[in-house]
C-alpha atoms as a PDB file:
ATOM      1  CA  MET A   1     -33.952 151.395  -6.082  1.00  0.00           C
ATOM      2  CA  GLU A   2     -34.011 148.122  -4.194  1.00  0.00           C
ATOM      3  CA  ASN A   3     -31.113 149.168  -1.986  1.00  0.00           C
ATOM      4  CA  ALA A   4     -32.837 152.410  -0.978  1.00  0.00           C
ATOM      5  CA  THR A   5     -36.077 150.521  -0.341  1.00  0.00           C
ATOM      6  CA  LYS A   6     -34.258 147.952   1.812  1.00  0.00           C
ATOM      7  CA  LEU A   7     -32.555 150.665   3.857  1.00  0.00           C
ATOM      8  CA  ALA A   8     -35.837 152.483   4.441  1.00  0.00           C
ATOM      9  CA  HIS A   9     -37.564 149.229   5.372  1.00  0.00           C
ATOM     10  CA  ASP A  10     -34.779 148.217   7.759  1.00  0.00           C
ATOM     11  CA  ILE A  11     -35.123 151.438   9.770  1.00  0.00           C
ATOM     12  CA  GLY A  12     -38.896 151.127   9.911  1.00  0.00           C
ATOM     13  CA  PHE A  13     -40.125 153.588   7.300  1.00  0.00           C
ATOM     14  CA  ASP A  14     -43.427 153.109   5.512  1.00  0.00           C
ATOM     15  CA  ILE A  15     -42.437 152.927   1.874  1.00  0.00           C
ATOM     16  CA  ASN A  16     -44.360 154.444  -1.019  1.00  0.00           C
ATOM     17  CA  ILE A  17     -43.078 153.950  -4.542  1.00  0.00           C
ATOM     18  CA  SER A  18     -44.594 155.593  -7.613  1.00  0.00           C
ATOM     19  CA  VAL A  19     -44.031 153.959 -10.994  1.00  0.00           C
ATOM     20  CA  ILE A  20     -44.853 155.503 -14.360  1.00  0.00           C
ATOM     21  CA  ILE A  21     -45.095 153.299 -17.431  1.00  0.00           C
ATOM     22  CA  GLY A  22     -45.089 154.460 -21.028  1.00  0.00           C
ATOM     23  CA  HIS A  23     -41.905 156.477 -21.267  1.00  0.00           C
ATOM     24  CA  ALA A  24     -40.707 157.184 -24.792  1.00  0.00           C
ATOM     25  CA  GLU A  25     -38.095 154.419 -24.727  1.00  0.00           C
ATOM     26  CA  ASP A  26     -40.158 151.836 -22.818  1.00  0.00           C
ATOM     27  CA  THR A  27     -40.583 148.451 -24.450  1.00  0.00           C
ATOM     28  CA  LYS A  28     -42.604 145.439 -23.404  1.00  0.00           C
ATOM     29  CA  GLU A  29     -39.424 144.043 -21.875  1.00  0.00           C
ATOM     30  CA  THR A  30     -38.607 147.158 -19.837  1.00  0.00           C
ATOM     31  CA  ILE A  31     -42.160 147.396 -18.521  1.00  0.00           C
ATOM     32  CA  GLU A  32     -42.247 143.687 -17.640  1.00  0.00           C
ATOM     33  CA  TYR A  33     -38.926 144.098 -15.814  1.00  0.00           C
ATOM     34  CA  THR A  34     -40.270 147.151 -13.964  1.00  0.00           C
ATOM     35  CA  LEU A  35     -43.430 145.310 -12.946  1.00  0.00           C
ATOM     36  CA  GLU A  36     -41.463 142.288 -11.747  1.00  0.00           C
ATOM     37  CA  LYS A  37     -39.221 144.538  -9.633  1.00  0.00           C
ATOM     38  CA  SER A  38     -42.337 146.247  -8.296  1.00  0.00           C
ATOM     39  CA  ARG A  39     -43.777 142.895  -7.212  1.00  0.00           C
ATOM     40  CA  LEU A  40     -40.495 142.073  -5.498  1.00  0.00           C
ATOM     41  CA  LEU A  41     -40.390 145.388  -3.621  1.00  0.00           C
ATOM     42  CA  LYS A  42     -43.968 144.947  -2.477  1.00  0.00           C
ATOM     43  CA  GLU A  43     -43.451 141.360  -1.321  1.00  0.00           C
ATOM     44  CA  LYS A  44     -39.988 141.722   0.166  1.00  0.00           C
ATOM     45  CA  TYR A  45     -40.298 145.151   1.821  1.00  0.00           C
ATOM     46  CA  ASN A  46     -44.055 145.694   2.088  1.00  0.00           C
ATOM     47  CA  ALA A  47     -43.750 148.710  -0.208  1.00  0.00           C
ATOM     48  CA  ASN A  48     -46.920 150.521  -1.193  1.00  0.00           C
ATOM     49  CA  MET A  49     -46.797 150.628  -4.989  1.00  0.00           C
ATOM     50  CA  GLN A  50     -48.624 153.245  -7.042  1.00  0.00           C
ATOM     51  CA  PHE A  51     -48.797 153.093 -10.817  1.00  0.00           C
ATOM     52  CA  SER A  52     -49.674 155.550 -13.534  1.00  0.00           C
ATOM     53  CA  ILE A  53     -49.402 155.949 -17.276  1.00  0.00           C
ATOM     54  CA  ASN A  54     -47.176 158.632 -18.747  1.00  0.00           C
ATOM     55  CA  ILE A  55     -49.307 161.516 -20.014  1.00  0.00           C
ATOM     56  CA  PRO A  56     -47.990 164.411 -22.141  1.00  0.00           C
ATOM     57  CA  TYR A  57     -49.818 167.214 -20.366  1.00  0.00           C
ATOM     58  CA  PRO A  58     -49.934 170.502 -22.293  1.00  0.00           C
ATOM     59  CA  GLY A  59     -47.057 172.780 -21.369  1.00  0.00           C
ATOM     60  CA  THR A  60     -44.692 169.911 -20.505  1.00  0.00           C
ATOM     61  CA  ASP A  61     -41.547 169.025 -22.417  1.00  0.00           C
ATOM     62  CA  LEU A  62     -43.119 165.694 -23.329  1.00  0.00           C
ATOM     63  CA  TYR A  63     -46.099 167.462 -24.904  1.00  0.00           C
ATOM     64  CA  GLU A  64     -44.018 170.079 -26.713  1.00  0.00           C
ATOM     65  CA  LYS A  65     -41.525 167.525 -28.091  1.00  0.00           C
ATOM     66  CA  ALA A  66     -43.811 164.507 -28.513  1.00  0.00           C
ATOM     67  CA  VAL A  67     -42.843 163.962 -32.155  1.00  0.00           C
ATOM     68  CA  GLU A  68     -39.163 164.297 -31.327  1.00  0.00           C
ATOM     69  CA  TYR A  69     -39.580 161.627 -28.621  1.00  0.00           C
ATOM     70  CA  GLY A  70     -41.454 159.354 -31.013  1.00  0.00           C
ATOM     71  CA  ILE A  71     -44.755 159.758 -29.179  1.00  0.00           C
ATOM     72  CA  GLU A  72     -48.079 159.998 -30.961  1.00  0.00           C
ATOM     73  CA  VAL A  73     -50.732 161.795 -28.924  1.00  0.00           C
ATOM     74  CA  LEU A  74     -54.052 160.181 -29.802  1.00  0.00           C
ATOM     75  CA  THR A  75     -56.435 162.879 -28.623  1.00  0.00           C
ATOM     76  CA  ASP A  76     -56.515 166.568 -27.931  1.00  0.00           C
ATOM     77  CA  ASN A  77     -59.621 166.149 -25.745  1.00  0.00           C
ATOM     78  CA  TYR A  78     -58.255 166.995 -22.304  1.00  0.00           C
ATOM     79  CA  ASP A  79     -61.107 165.099 -20.647  1.00  0.00           C
ATOM     80  CA  PHE A  80     -59.110 161.956 -21.492  1.00  0.00           C
ATOM     81  CA  TYR A  81     -55.817 163.225 -20.034  1.00  0.00           C
ATOM     82  CA  SER A  82     -55.563 161.128 -16.902  1.00  0.00           C
ATOM     83  CA  THR A  83     -52.775 158.971 -15.498  1.00  0.00           C
ATOM     84  CA  ASP A  84     -55.055 155.938 -15.608  1.00  0.00           C
ATOM     85  CA  ASN A  85     -55.855 156.324 -19.317  1.00  0.00           C
ATOM     86  CA  ALA A  86     -53.367 155.694 -22.114  1.00  0.00           C
ATOM     87  CA  ILE A  87     -53.645 158.391 -24.774  1.00  0.00           C
ATOM     88  CA  ILE A  88     -50.313 157.824 -26.497  1.00  0.00           C
ATOM     89  CA  ASN A  89     -48.518 155.406 -28.749  1.00  0.00           C
ATOM     90  CA  THR A  90     -44.762 155.295 -28.318  1.00  0.00           C
ATOM     91  CA  LYS A  91     -42.117 153.976 -30.699  1.00  0.00           C
ATOM     92  CA  TYR A  92     -42.437 150.528 -29.168  1.00  0.00           C
ATOM     93  CA  LEU A  93     -45.854 150.381 -27.490  1.00  0.00           C
ATOM     94  CA  THR A  94     -49.433 151.149 -28.422  1.00  0.00           C
ATOM     95  CA  ALA A  95     -51.987 152.734 -26.132  1.00  0.00           C
ATOM     96  CA  ASN A  96     -53.579 149.286 -25.885  1.00  0.00           C
ATOM     97  CA  ASP A  97     -50.257 147.814 -24.734  1.00  0.00           C
ATOM     98  CA  LEU A  98     -50.035 150.473 -22.041  1.00  0.00           C
ATOM     99  CA  ARG A  99     -53.617 149.804 -20.952  1.00  0.00           C
ATOM    100  CA  TYR A 100     -52.847 146.081 -20.740  1.00  0.00           C
ATOM    101  CA  TYR A 101     -49.807 146.629 -18.520  1.00  0.00           C
ATOM    102  CA  TYR A 102     -51.556 149.229 -16.395  1.00  0.00           C
ATOM    103  CA  ASN A 103     -54.477 146.880 -15.795  1.00  0.00           C
ATOM    104  CA  SER A 104     -52.061 144.067 -14.937  1.00  0.00           C
ATOM    105  CA  VAL A 105     -50.637 146.060 -12.005  1.00  0.00           C
ATOM    106  CA  LEU A 106     -53.929 146.226 -10.155  1.00  0.00           C
ATOM    107  CA  GLY A 107     -52.892 143.093  -8.277  1.00  0.00           C
ATOM    108  CA  ILE A 108     -49.564 144.672  -7.285  1.00  0.00           C
ATOM    109  CA  GLY A 109     -50.651 147.986  -5.926  1.00  0.00           C
ATOM    110  CA  LYS A 110     -52.818 151.028  -6.246  1.00  0.00           C
ATOM    111  CA  SER A 111     -53.116 152.966  -9.435  1.00  0.00           C
ATOM    112  CA  VAL A 112     -53.321 156.716  -9.446  1.00  0.00           C
END
C-alpha cells in the first residue's frame, strides 16, 4: 500500500485511504500495525485517512457467516449498525477494544 501511495503522491494526486478495523482475524497487534502505517502514510504523503469499524450488515457474507468467522454480533437493533459503533466481538477483540482503537484514530484522520 505504501508503494501505491508514494506513486500517487509523486504524480500529484490527492490521496484518500479508507481503513476498516475489526476484521475476523484482527488482533491488537495487527490493528496497532495498521494504525502505525496509517500515521506514516498521513505524515509522509499527506494522505487523507478515513477509518471505520467492520459491521456485519444484514445480507452480507459477514452477517450470514458470523459464527463461522468467530464473530459475535452483540445486537440485532439496526439503529446501532454504524461504522463508528462497534457491535461485534471477534475471536481476538472485544467491542470495547474496537471502540478504543477507533477512538485512538481521531488524531490520525477522519472517521466515517
